[in-house]
Amino acid sequence: MKIDNSIKGLNGQPAVPAAARAPAQGVAVARTPDPLAAQVELSRTSTKIIQEGDDFSAARVAEIRQAISEGRFQVNPEKIADGLLQSVREFLADRQQKSA
């Protein structure tokens, strides 16, 4: 079995230590945009939640955590599927609006 010790950077290229990336004294280097500073677009659902101030409930999170630890938490696959389908519909509608 071969173990690959290389670490990939954000662009899929091998990560290079900072010391190896540092330019020599007096050398001008063109900087590329920071990939971590990318622009983010929120879905309509996320935007709606933010605008309505629908904060998460710490009490509800604690309640769910307790139910999971006690083994009484019930997963509702229909609700999950409905949510996924709604997300896909919103994604496709946003994509269609952008291409129009």
C-alpha atoms as a PDB file:
ATOM      1  CA  MET A   1       0.000   0.000   0.000  1.00  0.00           C
ATOM      2  CA  LYS A   2       1.351   3.416  -0.977  1.00  0.00           C
ATOM      3  CA  ILE A   3       0.702   6.389   1.266  1.00  0.00           C
ATOM      4  CA  ASP A   4       0.539   9.761  -0.438  1.00  0.00           C
ATOM      5  CA  ASN A   5       1.934  12.412   1.890  1.00  0.00           C
ATOM      6  CA  SER A   6       1.266  15.347  -0.408  1.00  0.00           C
ATOM      7  CA  ILE A   7      -1.139  18.012   0.736  1.00  0.00           C
ATOM      8  CA  LYS A   8      -3.302  19.642  -1.898  1.00  0.00           C
ATOM      9  CA  GLY A   9      -3.953  23.376  -1.806  1.00  0.00           C
ATOM     10  CA  LEU A  10      -7.274  25.040  -2.610  1.00  0.00           C
ATOM     11  CA  ASN A  11      -6.599  24.980  -6.339  1.00  0.00           C
ATOM     12  CA  GLY A  12      -5.722  21.271  -6.391  1.00  0.00           C
ATOM     13  CA  GLN A  13      -2.010  21.978  -6.690  1.00  0.00           C
ATOM     14  CA  PRO A  14       0.400  20.721  -4.022  1.00  0.00           C
ATOM     15  CA  ALA A  15       0.592  23.110  -1.083  1.00  0.00           C
ATOM     16  CA  VAL A  16       3.873  25.010  -0.892  1.00  0.00           C
ATOM     17  CA  PRO A  17       5.276  26.191   2.454  1.00  0.00           C
ATOM     18  CA  ALA A  18       5.121  29.967   2.956  1.00  0.00           C
ATOM     19  CA  ALA A  19       8.905  30.225   3.056  1.00  0.00           C
ATOM     20  CA  ALA A  20       9.144  28.663  -0.404  1.00  0.00           C
ATOM     21  CA  ARG A  21       6.480  31.044  -1.771  1.00  0.00           C
ATOM     22  CA  ALA A  22       8.131  34.191  -0.462  1.00  0.00           C
ATOM     23  CA  PRO A  23       9.638  36.280  -3.285  1.00  0.00           C
ATOM     24  CA  ALA A  24      13.280  37.226  -3.253  1.00  0.00           C
ATOM     25  CA  GLN A  25      14.155  40.739  -2.082  1.00  0.00           C
ATOM     26  CA  GLY A  26      13.319  43.370  -4.692  1.00  0.00           C
ATOM     27  CA  VAL A  27      11.231  41.034  -6.879  1.00  0.00           C
ATOM     28  CA  ALA A  28       7.724  42.201  -7.810  1.00  0.00           C
ATOM     29  CA  VAL A  29       5.108  39.483  -7.632  1.00  0.00           C
ATOM     30  CA  ALA A  30       1.648  39.650  -9.182  1.00  0.00           C
ATOM     31  CA  ARG A  31      -0.893  38.520  -6.603  1.00  0.00           C
ATOM     32  CA  THR A  32      -3.918  36.487  -7.589  1.00  0.00           C
ATOM     33  CA  PRO A  33      -7.237  37.076  -5.824  1.00  0.00           C
ATOM     34  CA  ASP A  34      -7.559  35.336  -2.493  1.00  0.00           C
ATOM     35  CA  PRO A  35      -9.704  32.216  -3.119  1.00  0.00           C
ATOM     36  CA  LEU A  36     -10.991  32.418   0.445  1.00  0.00           C
ATOM     37  CA  ALA A  37     -12.337  35.917  -0.192  1.00  0.00           C
ATOM     38  CA  ALA A  38     -14.720  34.665  -2.878  1.00  0.00           C
ATOM     39  CA  GLN A  39     -18.090  36.304  -3.251  1.00  0.00           C
ATOM     40  CA  VAL A  40     -20.957  34.314  -1.786  1.00  0.00           C
ATOM     41  CA  GLU A  41     -24.527  34.292  -3.047  1.00  0.00           C
ATOM     42  CA  LEU A  42     -27.262  33.110  -0.718  1.00  0.00           C
ATOM     43  CA  SER A  43     -30.272  31.092  -1.786  1.00  0.00           C
ATOM     44  CA  ARG A  44     -33.693  32.672  -1.578  1.00  0.00           C
ATOM     45  CA  THR A  45     -34.470  30.561   1.473  1.00  0.00           C
ATOM     46  CA  SER A  46     -31.316  31.694   3.280  1.00  0.00           C
ATOM     47  CA  THR A  47     -31.973  35.319   2.350  1.00  0.00           C
ATOM     48  CA  LYS A  48     -35.552  35.037   3.609  1.00  0.00           C
ATOM     49  CA  ILE A  49     -34.399  33.554   6.918  1.00  0.00           C
ATOM     50  CA  ILE A  50     -31.842  36.322   7.381  1.00  0.00           C
ATOM     51  CA  GLN A  51     -34.295  39.071   6.462  1.00  0.00           C
ATOM     52  CA  GLU A  52     -36.995  37.729   8.761  1.00  0.00           C
ATOM     53  CA  GLY A  53     -34.542  37.377  11.607  1.00  0.00           C
ATOM     54  CA  ASP A  54     -35.383  33.704  12.018  1.00  0.00           C
ATOM     55  CA  ASP A  55     -32.643  32.936  14.520  1.00  0.00           C
ATOM     56  CA  PHE A  56     -31.879  29.388  15.479  1.00  0.00           C
ATOM     57  CA  SER A  57     -33.143  28.282  18.849  1.00  0.00           C
ATOM     58  CA  ALA A  58     -30.428  27.105  21.232  1.00  0.00           C
ATOM     59  CA  ALA A  59     -33.154  25.449  23.278  1.00  0.00           C
ATOM     60  CA  ARG A  60     -34.372  23.516  20.234  1.00  0.00           C
ATOM     61  CA  VAL A  61     -30.810  22.411  19.436  1.00  0.00           C
ATOM     62  CA  ALA A  62     -30.377  21.195  23.028  1.00  0.00           C
ATOM     63  CA  GLU A  63     -33.703  19.363  22.808  1.00  0.00           C
ATOM     64  CA  ILE A  64     -32.700  17.590  19.596  1.00  0.00           C
ATOM     65  CA  ARG A  65     -29.263  16.744  21.004  1.00  0.00           C
ATOM     66  CA  GLN A  66     -30.913  15.220  24.084  1.00  0.00           C
ATOM     67  CA  ALA A  67     -33.352  13.213  21.941  1.00  0.00           C
ATOM     68  CA  ILE A  68     -30.462  11.857  19.846  1.00  0.00           C
ATOM     69  CA  SER A  69     -28.473  10.864  22.918  1.00  0.00           C
ATOM     70  CA  GLU A  70     -31.530   9.092  24.366  1.00  0.00           C
ATOM     71  CA  GLY A  71     -32.236   7.315  21.075  1.00  0.00           C
ATOM     72  CA  ARG A  72     -35.703   8.824  20.652  1.00  0.00           C
ATOM     73  CA  PHE A  73     -34.957  11.177  17.759  1.00  0.00           C
ATOM     74  CA  GLN A  74     -37.032  10.272  14.703  1.00  0.00           C
ATOM     75  CA  VAL A  75     -35.785  11.148  11.218  1.00  0.00           C
ATOM     76  CA  ASN A  76     -38.535  12.148   8.799  1.00  0.00           C
ATOM     77  CA  PRO A  77     -37.241  11.161   5.341  1.00  0.00           C
ATOM     78  CA  GLU A  78     -40.253  12.719   3.585  1.00  0.00           C
ATOM     79  CA  LYS A  79     -39.530  16.113   5.154  1.00  0.00           C
ATOM     80  CA  ILE A  80     -35.854  15.833   4.203  1.00  0.00           C
ATOM     81  CA  ALA A  81     -36.751  14.883   0.631  1.00  0.00           C
ATOM     82  CA  ASP A  82     -39.231  17.760   0.368  1.00  0.00           C
ATOM     83  CA  GLY A  83     -36.591  20.197   1.623  1.00  0.00           C
ATOM     84  CA  LEU A  84     -34.016  18.906  -0.850  1.00  0.00           C
ATOM     85  CA  LEU A  85     -36.460  19.161  -3.737  1.00  0.00           C
ATOM     86  CA  GLN A  86     -37.371  22.721  -2.734  1.00  0.00           C
ATOM     87  CA  SER A  87     -33.675  23.653  -2.585  1.00  0.00           C
ATOM     88  CA  VAL A  88     -33.108  22.217  -6.063  1.00  0.00           C
ATOM     89  CA  ARG A  89     -36.136  24.089  -7.434  1.00  0.00           C
ATOM     90  CA  GLU A  90     -34.818  27.367  -5.991  1.00  0.00           C
ATOM     91  CA  PHE A  91     -31.338  26.670  -7.340  1.00  0.00           C
ATOM     92  CA  LEU A  92     -32.647  25.956 -10.834  1.00  0.00           C
ATOM     93  CA  ALA A  93     -34.938  29.026 -10.773  1.00  0.00           C
ATOM     94  CA  ASP A  94     -32.031  31.277  -9.680  1.00  0.00           C
ATOM     95  CA  ARG A  95     -29.810  29.749 -12.347  1.00  0.00           C
ATOM     96  CA  GLN A  96     -32.471  30.276 -15.011  1.00  0.00           C
ATOM     97  CA  GLN A  97     -32.929  33.936 -13.967  1.00  0.00           C
ATOM     98  CA  LYS A  98     -29.178  34.557 -14.186  1.00  0.00           C
ATOM     99  CA  SER A  99     -28.928  33.073 -17.678  1.00  0.00           C
ATOM    100  CA  ALA A 100     -31.890  35.073 -18.966  1.00  0.00           C
END
